[in-house]
């Protein structure tokens, strides 16, 4: 019985989606910032671009600093401009078909901050054995 190529688990994974994602992230950095300035969204950082294996979809992850705007409001504004940004990419990239772009808020930074706060809280409640609080250095 013959196996289809897609069933072969030992087939190498292509680096192309990762490379295309990095190129998209690099090329969109300035246009996204200009869009954010015009719309008063604050400072937008593109943290990652996740491209599907078939290169048809690109999920662009962002973080935002600046005016207090909801994540939904920022994402709606960016996703409204996504077709124009895709057109810009099509003029710049040498690909037969440019992935469809959607913007998503990157929760990883907020999660890391919450995790760090929890670890600090646990460390404050349970100091390591044999240690003393800082500032009590009587040894000179």
Protein backbone atom coordinates (compact mmCIF):
# COMPACT_ATOMS: atom_id res chain seq x y z
CA UNK A 1 0.00 0.00 0.00
CA UNK A 2 1.49 3.36 -0.97
CA UNK A 3 1.55 6.30 1.37
CA UNK A 4 0.81 9.83 0.37
CA UNK A 5 3.59 12.32 0.89
CA UNK A 6 1.55 14.23 3.50
CA UNK A 7 1.35 11.06 5.61
CA UNK A 8 5.13 10.79 5.83
CA UNK A 9 5.96 11.97 9.34
CA UNK A 10 9.68 11.92 8.63
CA UNK A 11 9.33 14.56 5.88
CA UNK A 12 11.37 17.66 6.70
CA UNK A 13 9.48 20.71 7.89
CA UNK A 14 9.93 23.70 5.61
CA UNK A 15 11.50 26.90 6.94
CA UNK A 16 9.76 28.92 4.25
CA UNK A 17 6.72 29.96 6.36
CA UNK A 18 9.07 31.21 9.08
CA UNK A 19 11.20 33.13 6.56
CA UNK A 20 8.15 34.62 4.86
CA UNK A 21 6.76 35.63 8.26
CA UNK A 22 9.97 37.43 9.21
CA UNK A 23 9.99 39.25 5.88
CA UNK A 24 6.35 40.29 6.29
CA UNK A 25 7.05 41.51 9.82
CA UNK A 26 10.03 43.53 8.59
CA UNK A 27 8.17 45.03 5.65
CA UNK A 28 5.04 45.93 7.63
CA UNK A 29 6.76 47.57 10.60
CA UNK A 30 6.80 51.09 9.16
CA UNK A 31 3.35 51.02 7.43
CA UNK A 32 1.73 49.72 10.63
CA UNK A 33 3.38 52.48 12.65
CA UNK A 34 2.18 55.13 10.18
CA UNK A 35 -1.34 53.72 10.32
CA UNK A 36 -1.24 53.74 14.13
CA UNK A 37 -0.05 57.37 14.21
CA UNK A 38 -2.82 58.49 11.83
CA UNK A 39 -5.49 56.67 13.82
CA UNK A 40 -4.11 57.76 17.22
CA UNK A 41 -3.52 54.19 18.34
CA UNK A 42 -0.21 54.83 20.07
CA UNK A 43 3.00 52.93 19.48
CA UNK A 44 2.44 49.52 17.87
CA UNK A 45 5.12 46.83 17.86
CA UNK A 46 4.95 43.79 15.59
CA UNK A 47 6.12 40.96 17.81
CA UNK A 48 5.68 38.00 15.46
CA UNK A 49 4.25 36.83 12.16
CA UNK A 50 2.90 33.30 11.98
CA UNK A 51 2.43 32.13 8.38
CA UNK A 52 0.45 29.00 7.55
CA UNK A 53 2.33 26.12 5.86
CA UNK A 54 0.50 26.78 2.57
CA UNK A 55 1.53 30.48 2.78
CA UNK A 56 -2.12 31.53 2.44
CA UNK A 57 -2.59 33.15 5.85
CA UNK A 58 -0.38 35.38 7.98
CA UNK A 59 -1.27 36.14 11.58
CA UNK A 60 0.56 39.27 12.71
CA UNK A 61 0.93 39.63 16.48
CA UNK A 62 1.16 43.12 17.98
CA UNK A 63 1.59 44.92 21.28
CA UNK A 64 0.52 48.49 21.96
CA UNK A 65 1.80 51.32 24.14
CA UNK A 66 0.34 54.76 24.37
CA UNK A 67 -3.22 56.06 24.49
CA UNK A 68 -5.62 53.88 26.39
CA UNK A 69 -7.50 52.15 23.59
CA UNK A 70 -9.02 48.72 23.91
CA UNK A 71 -7.28 45.85 22.17
CA UNK A 72 -10.43 45.26 20.12
CA UNK A 73 -10.43 48.88 18.94
CA UNK A 74 -6.76 48.74 17.92
CA UNK A 75 -7.16 45.39 16.16
CA UNK A 76 -10.28 46.58 14.33
CA UNK A 77 -8.42 49.63 13.00
CA UNK A 78 -5.43 47.56 11.88
CA UNK A 79 -7.57 44.83 10.32
CA UNK A 80 -9.49 47.52 8.39
CA UNK A 81 -6.15 48.51 6.82
CA UNK A 82 -4.97 44.90 6.26
CA UNK A 83 -6.05 44.71 2.59
CA UNK A 84 -4.07 47.86 1.74
CA UNK A 85 -1.04 46.47 3.61
CA UNK A 86 -1.37 43.19 1.69
CA UNK A 87 -1.35 45.18 -1.55
CA UNK A 88 1.80 46.95 -0.38
CA UNK A 89 3.41 43.57 0.33
CA UNK A 90 2.39 42.29 -3.10
CA UNK A 91 4.27 45.18 -4.70
CA UNK A 92 7.35 44.56 -2.56
CA UNK A 93 7.66 40.79 -2.17
CA UNK A 94 8.59 38.40 -4.93
CA UNK A 95 5.91 35.81 -4.26
CA UNK A 96 3.25 34.48 -6.57
CA UNK A 97 0.59 35.00 -3.92
CA UNK A 98 0.91 37.11 -0.77
CA UNK A 99 -0.73 35.72 2.39
CA UNK A 100 -3.96 37.21 3.70
CA UNK A 101 -3.14 39.30 6.78
CA UNK A 102 -4.94 39.37 10.10
CA UNK A 103 -3.77 41.19 13.21
CA UNK A 104 -3.92 39.67 16.69
CA UNK A 105 -2.93 41.01 20.11
CA UNK A 106 0.14 39.26 21.56
CA UNK A 107 -0.87 38.07 25.02
CA UNK A 108 2.54 36.56 25.79
CA UNK A 109 4.00 39.76 27.28
CA UNK A 110 1.02 40.26 29.61
CA UNK A 111 1.16 36.57 30.60
CA UNK A 112 4.87 36.82 31.33
CA UNK A 113 4.31 39.90 33.52
CA UNK A 114 1.54 38.11 35.46
CA UNK A 115 3.75 35.05 35.92
CA UNK A 116 6.65 37.18 37.13
CA UNK A 117 4.36 38.96 39.62
CA UNK A 118 3.15 35.59 40.95
CA UNK A 119 6.72 34.34 41.33
CA UNK A 120 7.70 37.53 43.17
CA UNK A 121 4.69 37.09 45.47
CA UNK A 122 5.63 33.48 46.25
CA UNK A 123 9.27 34.47 46.84
CA UNK A 124 8.19 37.22 49.26
CA UNK A 125 5.95 34.83 51.21
CA UNK A 126 8.53 32.02 51.35
CA UNK A 127 12.11 33.31 51.45
CA UNK A 128 14.81 30.69 50.86
CA UNK A 129 16.08 28.94 53.99
CA UNK A 130 19.14 30.57 55.54
CA UNK A 131 18.62 33.92 53.87
CA UNK A 132 17.82 37.20 55.49
CA UNK A 133 16.00 40.25 54.11
CA UNK A 134 17.99 42.69 52.05
CA UNK A 135 19.49 45.67 53.79
CA UNK A 136 20.53 43.68 56.88
CA UNK A 137 24.14 43.39 55.84
CA UNK A 138 25.90 43.95 59.16
CA UNK A 139 28.93 42.11 57.93
CA UNK A 140 31.56 44.51 56.67
